[in-house]
Protein backbone atom coordinates (compact mmCIF):
# COMPACT_ATOMS: atom_id res chain seq x y z
CA UNK A 1 0.00 0.00 0.00
CA UNK A 2 3.05 2.26 -0.20
CA UNK A 3 1.93 3.11 -3.74
CA UNK A 4 -1.05 5.09 -2.42
CA UNK A 5 0.91 7.12 0.12
CA UNK A 6 0.00 10.79 -0.13
CA UNK A 7 -3.15 10.21 -2.20
CA UNK A 8 -5.76 9.91 0.54
CA UNK A 9 -7.47 13.25 0.88
CA UNK A 10 -6.69 14.51 -2.64
CA UNK A 11 -9.86 16.30 -3.78
CA UNK A 12 -12.21 14.99 -6.44
CA UNK A 13 -12.18 16.99 -9.70
CA UNK A 14 -14.10 15.83 -12.78
CA UNK A 15 -11.50 15.23 -15.47
CA UNK A 16 -8.75 15.77 -12.90
CA UNK A 17 -5.33 14.24 -13.46
CA UNK A 18 -3.27 16.09 -10.85
CA UNK A 19 -2.41 14.84 -7.35
CA UNK A 20 -2.46 18.40 -5.98
CA UNK A 21 -5.40 20.00 -7.78
CA UNK A 22 -7.53 16.85 -7.80
CA UNK A 23 -8.50 13.73 -9.70
CA UNK A 24 -11.56 11.86 -10.82
CA UNK A 25 -11.75 8.11 -10.39
CA UNK A 26 -9.99 7.27 -13.68
CA UNK A 27 -7.30 9.88 -13.02
CA UNK A 28 -6.68 8.15 -9.68
CA UNK A 29 -6.52 4.71 -11.34
CA UNK A 30 -4.00 6.06 -13.86
CA UNK A 31 -1.89 7.64 -11.08
CA UNK A 32 -1.74 4.46 -9.01
CA UNK A 33 -0.84 2.29 -11.99
CA UNK A 34 1.86 4.80 -12.98
CA UNK A 35 3.32 4.28 -9.50
CA UNK A 36 3.45 0.56 -10.33
CA UNK A 37 5.24 1.40 -13.60
CA UNK A 38 2.21 0.84 -15.87
CA UNK A 39 0.89 3.54 -18.21
CA UNK A 40 -2.86 3.24 -18.75
CA UNK A 41 -4.82 4.98 -21.50
CA UNK A 42 -6.60 8.19 -20.63
CA UNK A 43 -10.29 8.63 -21.32
CA UNK A 44 -11.75 12.10 -21.48
CA UNK A 45 -15.30 11.57 -20.28
CA UNK A 46 -16.99 13.88 -17.81
CA UNK A 47 -17.23 12.11 -14.45
CA UNK A 48 -20.98 12.69 -14.41
CA UNK A 49 -21.72 11.43 -17.95
CA UNK A 50 -22.95 8.12 -16.54
CA UNK A 51 -24.25 6.59 -19.77
CA UNK A 52 -21.01 7.39 -21.60
CA UNK A 53 -18.92 5.94 -18.75
CA UNK A 54 -20.98 2.75 -18.70
CA UNK A 55 -20.63 2.36 -22.48
CA UNK A 56 -16.88 3.03 -22.39
CA UNK A 57 -16.37 0.58 -19.51
CA UNK A 58 -18.24 -2.11 -21.44
CA UNK A 59 -16.16 -1.52 -24.56
CA UNK A 60 -12.91 -1.57 -22.60
CA UNK A 61 -13.49 -4.77 -20.64
CA UNK A 62 -14.43 -6.66 -23.80
CA UNK A 63 -11.32 -5.43 -25.60
CA UNK A 64 -8.08 -7.32 -25.55
CA UNK A 65 -6.51 -4.68 -23.29
CA UNK A 66 -7.93 -6.14 -20.07
CA UNK A 67 -8.02 -9.51 -18.37
CA UNK A 68 -10.82 -10.21 -15.92
CA UNK A 69 -9.77 -11.65 -12.57
CA UNK A 70 -12.30 -13.74 -10.71
CA UNK A 71 -12.79 -13.86 -6.93
CA UNK A 72 -11.48 -14.85 -4.54
CA UNK A 73 -8.97 -12.00 -4.93
CA UNK A 74 -5.59 -12.54 -3.30
CA UNK A 75 -2.97 -10.09 -2.03
CA UNK A 76 -0.48 -10.98 -4.75
CA UNK A 77 -2.91 -9.91 -7.49
CA UNK A 78 -2.76 -6.22 -6.55
CA UNK A 79 -3.11 -3.83 -8.21
CA UNK A 80 -6.43 -4.56 -9.90
CA UNK A 81 -8.86 -2.12 -11.47
CA UNK A 82 -12.22 -2.49 -9.76
CA UNK A 83 -15.31 -1.41 -11.71
CA UNK A 84 -18.39 -0.48 -9.71
CA UNK A 85 -22.00 0.52 -10.05
CA UNK A 86 -22.59 3.69 -8.09
CA UNK A 87 -25.70 4.28 -10.24
CA UNK A 88 -28.35 1.55 -9.85
CA UNK A 89 -27.86 0.01 -13.31
CA UNK A 90 -24.73 1.56 -14.83
CA UNK A 91 -21.00 1.03 -14.32
CA UNK A 92 -19.94 4.55 -13.38
CA UNK A 93 -16.97 4.21 -11.03
CA UNK A 94 -13.48 2.74 -10.87
CA UNK A 95 -11.01 2.17 -8.09
CA UNK A 96 -7.88 0.14 -7.48
CA UNK A 97 -7.55 -2.90 -5.24
CA UNK A 98 -4.19 -2.35 -3.54
CA UNK A 99 -4.11 -5.33 -1.19
CA UNK A 100 -4.88 -5.40 2.50
CA UNK A 101 -8.60 -5.83 1.71
CA UNK A 102 -8.58 -2.18 0.51
CA UNK A 103 -9.79 -0.34 -2.57
CA UNK A 104 -8.59 3.20 -3.27
CA UNK A 105 -11.18 5.36 -4.99
CA UNK A 106 -12.45 8.91 -5.08
CA UNK A 107 -15.88 10.48 -5.01
CA UNK A 108 -17.15 14.03 -5.14
CA UNK A 109 -18.25 13.76 -1.51
CA UNK A 110 -15.03 12.31 -0.09
CA UNK A 111 -12.05 12.89 -2.33
CA UNK A 112 -9.57 10.00 -2.36
CA UNK A 113 -10.30 7.39 0.30
CA UNK A 114 -9.39 3.81 1.19
CA UNK A 115 -12.42 1.56 1.57
CA UNK A 116 -12.70 -2.03 2.68
CA UNK A 117 -13.61 -4.46 -0.09
CA UNK A 118 -16.62 -5.72 1.86
CA UNK A 119 -17.98 -2.14 2.16
CA UNK A 120 -18.11 -1.89 -1.64
CA UNK A 121 -18.79 -5.54 -2.46
CA UNK A 122 -22.43 -5.06 -3.48
CA UNK A 123 -21.36 -2.42 -6.03
CA UNK A 124 -18.42 -4.30 -7.58
CA UNK A 125 -19.08 -5.66 -11.07
CA UNK A 126 -15.58 -6.82 -11.96
CA UNK A 127 -11.86 -6.95 -11.24
CA UNK A 128 -9.39 -6.34 -14.10
CA UNK A 129 -5.72 -6.13 -14.89
CA UNK A 130 -4.21 -4.61 -18.02
CA UNK A 131 -2.77 -7.11 -20.49
C-alpha atoms as a PDB file:
ATOM      1  CA  UNK A   1       0.000   0.000   0.000  1.00  0.00           C
ATOM      2  CA  UNK A   2       3.047   2.262  -0.198  1.00  0.00           C
ATOM      3  CA  UNK A   3       1.931   3.111  -3.736  1.00  0.00           C
ATOM      4  CA  UNK A   4      -1.052   5.091  -2.417  1.00  0.00           C
ATOM      5  CA  UNK A   5       0.913   7.117   0.115  1.00  0.00           C
ATOM      6  CA  UNK A   6      -0.002  10.787  -0.131  1.00  0.00           C
ATOM      7  CA  UNK A   7      -3.146  10.205  -2.200  1.00  0.00           C
ATOM      8  CA  UNK A   8      -5.764   9.909   0.538  1.00  0.00           C
ATOM      9  CA  UNK A   9      -7.473  13.249   0.875  1.00  0.00           C
ATOM     10  CA  UNK A  10      -6.691  14.508  -2.645  1.00  0.00           C
ATOM     11  CA  UNK A  11      -9.864  16.298  -3.781  1.00  0.00           C
ATOM     12  CA  UNK A  12     -12.215  14.990  -6.445  1.00  0.00           C
ATOM     13  CA  UNK A  13     -12.181  16.988  -9.696  1.00  0.00           C
ATOM     14  CA  UNK A  14     -14.097  15.833 -12.775  1.00  0.00           C
ATOM     15  CA  UNK A  15     -11.499  15.228 -15.465  1.00  0.00           C
ATOM     16  CA  UNK A  16      -8.749  15.770 -12.902  1.00  0.00           C
ATOM     17  CA  UNK A  17      -5.333  14.241 -13.457  1.00  0.00           C
ATOM     18  CA  UNK A  18      -3.271  16.094 -10.851  1.00  0.00           C
ATOM     19  CA  UNK A  19      -2.411  14.844  -7.355  1.00  0.00           C
ATOM     20  CA  UNK A  20      -2.458  18.403  -5.977  1.00  0.00           C
ATOM     21  CA  UNK A  21      -5.399  20.002  -7.778  1.00  0.00           C
ATOM     22  CA  UNK A  22      -7.533  16.846  -7.800  1.00  0.00           C
ATOM     23  CA  UNK A  23      -8.498  13.730  -9.704  1.00  0.00           C
ATOM     24  CA  UNK A  24     -11.564  11.861 -10.819  1.00  0.00           C
ATOM     25  CA  UNK A  25     -11.753   8.109 -10.394  1.00  0.00           C
ATOM     26  CA  UNK A  26      -9.991   7.274 -13.676  1.00  0.00           C
ATOM     27  CA  UNK A  27      -7.296   9.877 -13.019  1.00  0.00           C
ATOM     28  CA  UNK A  28      -6.683   8.149  -9.677  1.00  0.00           C
ATOM     29  CA  UNK A  29      -6.521   4.713 -11.343  1.00  0.00           C
ATOM     30  CA  UNK A  30      -3.999   6.063 -13.859  1.00  0.00           C
ATOM     31  CA  UNK A  31      -1.887   7.639 -11.080  1.00  0.00           C
ATOM     32  CA  UNK A  32      -1.741   4.464  -9.006  1.00  0.00           C
ATOM     33  CA  UNK A  33      -0.839   2.295 -11.987  1.00  0.00           C
ATOM     34  CA  UNK A  34       1.863   4.796 -12.978  1.00  0.00           C
ATOM     35  CA  UNK A  35       3.324   4.281  -9.502  1.00  0.00           C
ATOM     36  CA  UNK A  36       3.453   0.557 -10.332  1.00  0.00           C
ATOM     37  CA  UNK A  37       5.237   1.395 -13.596  1.00  0.00           C
ATOM     38  CA  UNK A  38       2.213   0.844 -15.875  1.00  0.00           C
ATOM     39  CA  UNK A  39       0.889   3.543 -18.211  1.00  0.00           C
ATOM     40  CA  UNK A  40      -2.860   3.237 -18.750  1.00  0.00           C
ATOM     41  CA  UNK A  41      -4.821   4.980 -21.504  1.00  0.00           C
ATOM     42  CA  UNK A  42      -6.595   8.192 -20.631  1.00  0.00           C
ATOM     43  CA  UNK A  43     -10.290   8.628 -21.322  1.00  0.00           C
ATOM     44  CA  UNK A  44     -11.748  12.104 -21.478  1.00  0.00           C
ATOM     45  CA  UNK A  45     -15.296  11.569 -20.280  1.00  0.00           C
ATOM     46  CA  UNK A  46     -16.994  13.876 -17.812  1.00  0.00           C
ATOM     47  CA  UNK A  47     -17.231  12.108 -14.453  1.00  0.00           C
ATOM     48  CA  UNK A  48     -20.979  12.686 -14.411  1.00  0.00           C
ATOM     49  CA  UNK A  49     -21.715  11.430 -17.952  1.00  0.00           C
ATOM     50  CA  UNK A  50     -22.954   8.121 -16.537  1.00  0.00           C
ATOM     51  CA  UNK A  51     -24.254   6.593 -19.773  1.00  0.00           C
ATOM     52  CA  UNK A  52     -21.013   7.395 -21.595  1.00  0.00           C
ATOM     53  CA  UNK A  53     -18.916   5.944 -18.752  1.00  0.00           C
ATOM     54  CA  UNK A  54     -20.984   2.754 -18.704  1.00  0.00           C
ATOM     55  CA  UNK A  55     -20.632   2.365 -22.484  1.00  0.00           C
ATOM     56  CA  UNK A  56     -16.877   3.026 -22.389  1.00  0.00           C
ATOM     57  CA  UNK A  57     -16.367   0.579 -19.511  1.00  0.00           C
ATOM     58  CA  UNK A  58     -18.242  -2.106 -21.442  1.00  0.00           C
ATOM     59  CA  UNK A  59     -16.156  -1.517 -24.561  1.00  0.00           C
ATOM     60  CA  UNK A  60     -12.906  -1.566 -22.597  1.00  0.00           C
ATOM     61  CA  UNK A  61     -13.493  -4.771 -20.639  1.00  0.00           C
ATOM     62  CA  UNK A  62     -14.433  -6.655 -23.795  1.00  0.00           C
ATOM     63  CA  UNK A  63     -11.325  -5.428 -25.604  1.00  0.00           C
ATOM     64  CA  UNK A  64      -8.075  -7.324 -25.545  1.00  0.00           C
ATOM     65  CA  UNK A  65      -6.515  -4.683 -23.294  1.00  0.00           C
ATOM     66  CA  UNK A  66      -7.932  -6.135 -20.074  1.00  0.00           C
ATOM     67  CA  UNK A  67      -8.017  -9.513 -18.373  1.00  0.00           C
ATOM     68  CA  UNK A  68     -10.824 -10.207 -15.917  1.00  0.00           C
ATOM     69  CA  UNK A  69      -9.769 -11.647 -12.568  1.00  0.00           C
ATOM     70  CA  UNK A  70     -12.302 -13.743 -10.705  1.00  0.00           C
ATOM     71  CA  UNK A  71     -12.791 -13.864  -6.934  1.00  0.00           C
ATOM     72  CA  UNK A  72     -11.477 -14.846  -4.536  1.00  0.00           C
ATOM     73  CA  UNK A  73      -8.974 -12.004  -4.928  1.00  0.00           C
ATOM     74  CA  UNK A  74      -5.589 -12.544  -3.302  1.00  0.00           C
ATOM     75  CA  UNK A  75      -2.971 -10.092  -2.032  1.00  0.00           C
ATOM     76  CA  UNK A  76      -0.477 -10.984  -4.753  1.00  0.00           C
ATOM     77  CA  UNK A  77      -2.915  -9.913  -7.486  1.00  0.00           C
ATOM     78  CA  UNK A  78      -2.757  -6.218  -6.545  1.00  0.00           C
ATOM     79  CA  UNK A  79      -3.109  -3.832  -8.213  1.00  0.00           C
ATOM     80  CA  UNK A  80      -6.432  -4.561  -9.895  1.00  0.00           C
ATOM     81  CA  UNK A  81      -8.858  -2.115 -11.465  1.00  0.00           C
ATOM     82  CA  UNK A  82     -12.223  -2.493  -9.760  1.00  0.00           C
ATOM     83  CA  UNK A  83     -15.311  -1.412 -11.707  1.00  0.00           C
ATOM     84  CA  UNK A  84     -18.388  -0.480  -9.705  1.00  0.00           C
ATOM     85  CA  UNK A  85     -22.005   0.519 -10.049  1.00  0.00           C
ATOM     86  CA  UNK A  86     -22.595   3.692  -8.095  1.00  0.00           C
ATOM     87  CA  UNK A  87     -25.696   4.279 -10.243  1.00  0.00           C
ATOM     88  CA  UNK A  88     -28.350   1.554  -9.851  1.00  0.00           C
ATOM     89  CA  UNK A  89     -27.856   0.011 -13.309  1.00  0.00           C
ATOM     90  CA  UNK A  90     -24.732   1.561 -14.832  1.00  0.00           C
ATOM     91  CA  UNK A  91     -21.001   1.029 -14.316  1.00  0.00           C
ATOM     92  CA  UNK A  92     -19.939   4.549 -13.376  1.00  0.00           C
ATOM     93  CA  UNK A  93     -16.968   4.211 -11.035  1.00  0.00           C
ATOM     94  CA  UNK A  94     -13.477   2.741 -10.870  1.00  0.00           C
ATOM     95  CA  UNK A  95     -11.011   2.174  -8.093  1.00  0.00           C
ATOM     96  CA  UNK A  96      -7.885   0.137  -7.481  1.00  0.00           C
ATOM     97  CA  UNK A  97      -7.548  -2.900  -5.244  1.00  0.00           C
ATOM     98  CA  UNK A  98      -4.186  -2.347  -3.544  1.00  0.00           C
ATOM     99  CA  UNK A  99      -4.114  -5.334  -1.188  1.00  0.00           C
ATOM    100  CA  UNK A 100      -4.884  -5.402   2.503  1.00  0.00           C
ATOM    101  CA  UNK A 101      -8.604  -5.828   1.711  1.00  0.00           C
ATOM    102  CA  UNK A 102      -8.582  -2.184   0.514  1.00  0.00           C
ATOM    103  CA  UNK A 103      -9.786  -0.343  -2.567  1.00  0.00           C
ATOM    104  CA  UNK A 104      -8.590   3.198  -3.266  1.00  0.00           C
ATOM    105  CA  UNK A 105     -11.177   5.358  -4.993  1.00  0.00           C
ATOM    106  CA  UNK A 106     -12.453   8.909  -5.076  1.00  0.00           C
ATOM    107  CA  UNK A 107     -15.876  10.480  -5.012  1.00  0.00           C
ATOM    108  CA  UNK A 108     -17.151  14.027  -5.141  1.00  0.00           C
ATOM    109  CA  UNK A 109     -18.255  13.761  -1.508  1.00  0.00           C
ATOM    110  CA  UNK A 110     -15.029  12.312  -0.087  1.00  0.00           C
ATOM    111  CA  UNK A 111     -12.052  12.891  -2.335  1.00  0.00           C
ATOM    112  CA  UNK A 112      -9.573   9.998  -2.363  1.00  0.00           C
ATOM    113  CA  UNK A 113     -10.296   7.390   0.297  1.00  0.00           C
ATOM    114  CA  UNK A 114      -9.386   3.815   1.186  1.00  0.00           C
ATOM    115  CA  UNK A 115     -12.422   1.557   1.570  1.00  0.00           C
ATOM    116  CA  UNK A 116     -12.700  -2.029   2.681  1.00  0.00           C
ATOM    117  CA  UNK A 117     -13.607  -4.464  -0.091  1.00  0.00           C
ATOM    118  CA  UNK A 118     -16.621  -5.716   1.856  1.00  0.00           C
ATOM    119  CA  UNK A 119     -17.975  -2.144   2.164  1.00  0.00           C
ATOM    120  CA  UNK A 120     -18.114  -1.890  -1.641  1.00  0.00           C
ATOM    121  CA  UNK A 121     -18.788  -5.544  -2.462  1.00  0.00           C
ATOM    122  CA  UNK A 122     -22.433  -5.061  -3.482  1.00  0.00           C
ATOM    123  CA  UNK A 123     -21.358  -2.416  -6.027  1.00  0.00           C
ATOM    124  CA  UNK A 124     -18.422  -4.297  -7.584  1.00  0.00           C
ATOM    125  CA  UNK A 125     -19.082  -5.656 -11.072  1.00  0.00           C
ATOM    126  CA  UNK A 126     -15.584  -6.816 -11.964  1.00  0.00           C
ATOM    127  CA  UNK A 127     -11.858  -6.950 -11.237  1.00  0.00           C
ATOM    128  CA  UNK A 128      -9.394  -6.343 -14.104  1.00  0.00           C
ATOM    129  CA  UNK A 129      -5.717  -6.132 -14.890  1.00  0.00           C
ATOM    130  CA  UNK A 130      -4.209  -4.614 -18.017  1.00  0.00           C
ATOM    131  CA  UNK A 131      -2.774  -7.107 -20.493  1.00  0.00           C
END
